[in-house]
N, C-alpha and C. Protein backbone atom coordinates (compact mmCIF):
# COMPACT_ATOMS: atom_id res chain seq x y z
N MET A 1 51.12 -18.84 -8.82
CA MET A 1 50.81 -18.32 -7.50
C MET A 1 50.28 -16.89 -7.64
N PRO A 2 49.16 -16.56 -6.99
CA PRO A 2 48.60 -15.22 -7.14
C PRO A 2 49.47 -14.15 -6.49
N ASN A 3 49.39 -12.96 -7.03
CA ASN A 3 50.13 -11.83 -6.48
C ASN A 3 49.26 -11.19 -5.39
N TRP A 4 49.47 -11.61 -4.14
CA TRP A 4 48.63 -11.18 -3.02
C TRP A 4 48.76 -9.68 -2.75
N THR A 5 49.93 -9.12 -2.97
CA THR A 5 50.12 -7.69 -2.73
C THR A 5 49.20 -6.87 -3.61
N ASN A 6 49.14 -7.21 -4.89
CA ASN A 6 48.26 -6.48 -5.80
C ASN A 6 46.79 -6.69 -5.46
N MET A 7 46.44 -7.92 -5.08
CA MET A 7 45.05 -8.21 -4.74
C MET A 7 44.60 -7.44 -3.50
N ILE A 8 45.46 -7.42 -2.48
CA ILE A 8 45.13 -6.70 -1.25
C ILE A 8 45.08 -5.19 -1.50
N GLY A 9 46.03 -4.69 -2.26
CA GLY A 9 46.04 -3.27 -2.61
C GLY A 9 44.79 -2.87 -3.37
N ASP A 10 44.37 -3.70 -4.31
CA ASP A 10 43.17 -3.44 -5.09
C ASP A 10 41.93 -3.46 -4.20
N LEU A 11 41.88 -4.42 -3.29
CA LEU A 11 40.76 -4.50 -2.36
C LEU A 11 40.68 -3.26 -1.47
N MET A 12 41.82 -2.83 -0.94
CA MET A 12 41.85 -1.63 -0.08
C MET A 12 41.41 -0.40 -0.88
N PHE A 13 41.85 -0.30 -2.12
CA PHE A 13 41.45 0.82 -2.96
C PHE A 13 39.94 0.83 -3.16
N ARG A 14 39.38 -0.33 -3.45
CA ARG A 14 37.93 -0.42 -3.69
C ARG A 14 37.13 -0.09 -2.44
N VAL A 15 37.57 -0.59 -1.29
CA VAL A 15 36.88 -0.28 -0.03
C VAL A 15 36.95 1.21 0.25
N THR A 16 38.11 1.81 0.02
CA THR A 16 38.28 3.24 0.24
C THR A 16 37.39 4.04 -0.70
N GLU A 17 37.28 3.62 -1.94
CA GLU A 17 36.41 4.31 -2.89
C GLU A 17 34.94 4.24 -2.46
N ILE A 18 34.53 3.09 -1.96
CA ILE A 18 33.16 2.95 -1.46
C ILE A 18 32.95 3.88 -0.28
N GLY A 19 33.91 3.92 0.63
CA GLY A 19 33.82 4.82 1.78
C GLY A 19 33.76 6.28 1.36
N SER A 20 34.48 6.62 0.30
CA SER A 20 34.47 8.01 -0.18
C SER A 20 33.08 8.46 -0.61
N THR A 21 32.34 7.55 -1.19
CA THR A 21 30.98 7.90 -1.61
C THR A 21 30.07 8.13 -0.40
N MET A 22 30.43 7.53 0.73
CA MET A 22 29.62 7.66 1.93
C MET A 22 29.94 8.93 2.72
N ILE A 23 31.08 9.57 2.44
CA ILE A 23 31.47 10.77 3.18
C ILE A 23 31.65 11.97 2.27
N SER A 24 30.96 12.00 1.17
CA SER A 24 31.15 13.05 0.18
C SER A 24 30.81 14.44 0.70
N ASN A 25 30.14 14.56 1.84
CA ASN A 25 29.78 15.87 2.38
C ASN A 25 30.87 16.45 3.28
N ASN A 26 32.05 15.88 3.31
CA ASN A 26 33.14 16.33 4.17
C ASN A 26 34.00 17.43 3.56
N VAL A 27 33.65 17.91 2.40
CA VAL A 27 34.49 18.87 1.68
C VAL A 27 34.74 20.13 2.50
N GLU A 28 33.75 20.56 3.26
CA GLU A 28 33.86 21.81 4.01
C GLU A 28 34.56 21.66 5.35
N LEU A 29 34.88 20.45 5.76
CA LEU A 29 35.50 20.22 7.06
C LEU A 29 37.01 20.44 6.99
N THR A 30 37.58 20.92 8.10
CA THR A 30 39.03 21.06 8.18
C THR A 30 39.63 19.68 8.41
N PRO A 31 40.94 19.53 8.15
CA PRO A 31 41.57 18.23 8.43
C PRO A 31 41.40 17.82 9.91
N ALA A 32 41.48 18.77 10.83
CA ALA A 32 41.31 18.44 12.26
C ALA A 32 39.89 17.94 12.54
N GLU A 33 38.89 18.55 11.91
CA GLU A 33 37.50 18.10 12.08
C GLU A 33 37.31 16.70 11.49
N LYS A 34 38.00 16.44 10.39
CA LYS A 34 37.94 15.10 9.80
C LYS A 34 38.58 14.07 10.74
N CYS A 35 39.65 14.48 11.45
CA CYS A 35 40.27 13.59 12.43
C CYS A 35 39.29 13.27 13.56
N ASP A 36 38.53 14.27 13.97
CA ASP A 36 37.51 14.04 15.00
C ASP A 36 36.50 13.00 14.51
N GLN A 37 36.06 13.16 13.28
CA GLN A 37 35.14 12.17 12.71
C GLN A 37 35.77 10.79 12.65
N LEU A 38 37.04 10.74 12.29
CA LEU A 38 37.74 9.46 12.20
C LEU A 38 37.81 8.77 13.57
N LEU A 39 38.09 9.55 14.60
CA LEU A 39 38.17 8.98 15.95
C LEU A 39 36.83 8.45 16.44
N ASN A 40 35.75 9.02 15.94
CA ASN A 40 34.41 8.63 16.38
C ASN A 40 33.70 7.71 15.40
N ASN A 41 34.38 7.30 14.36
CA ASN A 41 33.78 6.50 13.30
C ASN A 41 34.02 5.01 13.57
N THR A 42 33.05 4.20 13.23
CA THR A 42 33.21 2.75 13.42
C THR A 42 33.22 1.98 12.11
N GLY A 43 32.98 2.61 10.98
CA GLY A 43 32.95 1.91 9.70
C GLY A 43 34.32 1.84 9.06
N GLU A 44 34.68 0.65 8.59
CA GLU A 44 35.98 0.46 7.95
C GLU A 44 36.13 1.26 6.66
N ALA A 45 35.13 1.20 5.81
CA ALA A 45 35.24 1.88 4.51
C ALA A 45 35.32 3.39 4.70
N THR A 46 34.48 3.94 5.56
CA THR A 46 34.52 5.39 5.78
C THR A 46 35.79 5.79 6.52
N SER A 47 36.28 4.95 7.41
CA SER A 47 37.53 5.26 8.12
C SER A 47 38.70 5.33 7.15
N LEU A 48 38.77 4.38 6.23
CA LEU A 48 39.84 4.41 5.23
C LEU A 48 39.73 5.64 4.34
N ALA A 49 38.52 5.96 3.93
CA ALA A 49 38.33 7.13 3.07
C ALA A 49 38.68 8.42 3.81
N LEU A 50 38.26 8.51 5.07
CA LEU A 50 38.58 9.70 5.87
C LEU A 50 40.09 9.83 6.05
N SER A 51 40.74 8.71 6.31
CA SER A 51 42.20 8.73 6.47
C SER A 51 42.89 9.24 5.22
N ARG A 52 42.42 8.77 4.08
CA ARG A 52 43.01 9.22 2.82
C ARG A 52 42.77 10.72 2.61
N GLU A 53 41.55 11.19 2.91
CA GLU A 53 41.25 12.62 2.78
C GLU A 53 42.13 13.45 3.70
N ILE A 54 42.30 12.99 4.94
CA ILE A 54 43.10 13.73 5.91
C ILE A 54 44.55 13.84 5.42
N LEU A 55 45.11 12.74 4.94
CA LEU A 55 46.48 12.77 4.44
C LEU A 55 46.62 13.66 3.20
N ASP A 56 45.64 13.59 2.31
CA ASP A 56 45.67 14.46 1.12
C ASP A 56 45.59 15.93 1.52
N ASN A 57 44.69 16.25 2.45
CA ASN A 57 44.55 17.63 2.93
C ASN A 57 45.83 18.10 3.63
N TYR A 58 46.41 17.23 4.44
CA TYR A 58 47.62 17.58 5.19
C TYR A 58 48.77 17.92 4.25
N GLN A 59 48.93 17.17 3.20
CA GLN A 59 50.01 17.42 2.25
C GLN A 59 49.89 18.80 1.61
N ALA A 60 48.68 19.32 1.51
CA ALA A 60 48.48 20.62 0.87
C ALA A 60 48.67 21.79 1.83
N LEU A 61 48.84 21.51 3.12
CA LEU A 61 48.97 22.59 4.11
C LEU A 61 50.36 23.20 4.10
N THR A 62 50.42 24.48 4.46
CA THR A 62 51.71 25.14 4.67
C THR A 62 52.25 24.69 6.02
N ASP A 63 53.50 25.03 6.32
CA ASP A 63 54.08 24.66 7.62
C ASP A 63 53.30 25.29 8.77
N GLU A 64 52.88 26.53 8.60
CA GLU A 64 52.10 27.21 9.64
C GLU A 64 50.74 26.51 9.83
N GLU A 65 50.10 26.14 8.74
CA GLU A 65 48.82 25.45 8.82
C GLU A 65 48.96 24.06 9.45
N LYS A 66 50.10 23.41 9.21
CA LYS A 66 50.35 22.11 9.83
C LYS A 66 50.45 22.24 11.34
N LEU A 67 51.09 23.30 11.81
CA LEU A 67 51.19 23.54 13.25
C LEU A 67 49.80 23.77 13.85
N VAL A 68 48.98 24.57 13.17
CA VAL A 68 47.61 24.80 13.62
C VAL A 68 46.83 23.49 13.64
N PHE A 69 47.02 22.69 12.61
CA PHE A 69 46.35 21.39 12.54
C PHE A 69 46.67 20.54 13.76
N PHE A 70 47.96 20.42 14.10
CA PHE A 70 48.33 19.58 15.23
C PHE A 70 47.82 20.14 16.56
N LYS A 71 47.80 21.45 16.69
CA LYS A 71 47.25 22.04 17.92
C LYS A 71 45.77 21.72 18.05
N LEU A 72 45.01 21.88 16.96
CA LEU A 72 43.59 21.56 16.98
C LEU A 72 43.36 20.07 17.21
N PHE A 73 44.16 19.25 16.56
CA PHE A 73 44.00 17.81 16.70
C PHE A 73 44.26 17.36 18.14
N LEU A 74 45.26 17.95 18.79
CA LEU A 74 45.52 17.60 20.18
C LEU A 74 44.34 17.94 21.08
N LYS A 75 43.70 19.08 20.82
CA LYS A 75 42.50 19.44 21.59
C LYS A 75 41.38 18.45 21.34
N ILE A 76 41.17 18.09 20.09
CA ILE A 76 40.12 17.13 19.75
C ILE A 76 40.41 15.77 20.38
N LEU A 77 41.65 15.35 20.31
CA LEU A 77 42.03 14.06 20.89
C LEU A 77 41.80 14.06 22.40
N ALA A 78 42.17 15.14 23.07
CA ALA A 78 41.96 15.24 24.52
C ALA A 78 40.47 15.15 24.85
N LEU A 79 39.64 15.86 24.10
CA LEU A 79 38.19 15.81 24.33
C LEU A 79 37.63 14.42 24.08
N THR A 80 38.13 13.75 23.05
CA THR A 80 37.67 12.40 22.73
C THR A 80 38.04 11.43 23.84
N LEU A 81 39.23 11.55 24.36
CA LEU A 81 39.68 10.65 25.41
C LEU A 81 38.93 10.89 26.74
N MET A 82 38.44 12.10 26.93
CA MET A 82 37.71 12.44 28.15
C MET A 82 36.29 11.93 28.12
N ARG A 83 35.76 11.55 26.97
CA ARG A 83 34.37 11.08 26.84
C ARG A 83 34.17 9.76 27.51
C-alpha cells in the first residue's frame, strides 16, 4: 500500500517550489505586503509559496515587529474586504 502522506507532502513541496520561482521578486516586500499579495492571488502554486515565505519571515521577527506586522495586516485586510 502506498504511503499517501509522503506522496502528498512531496507533491505540496514541489508545487510550492514551482510557485517560489514565480514570485522570486518578493524579496523586498514586508511580510504584511506579502499577505496583501496572498489575499489578492488566485494561483495555487504562488499562494503556497507566498504562505511559506510569510511564515518564514514571521519567525524571524522580533516581538515588536510581530505587533507591527499584525497592525499592518489588519489594515490591509480591512482594505481588501472593502473592495
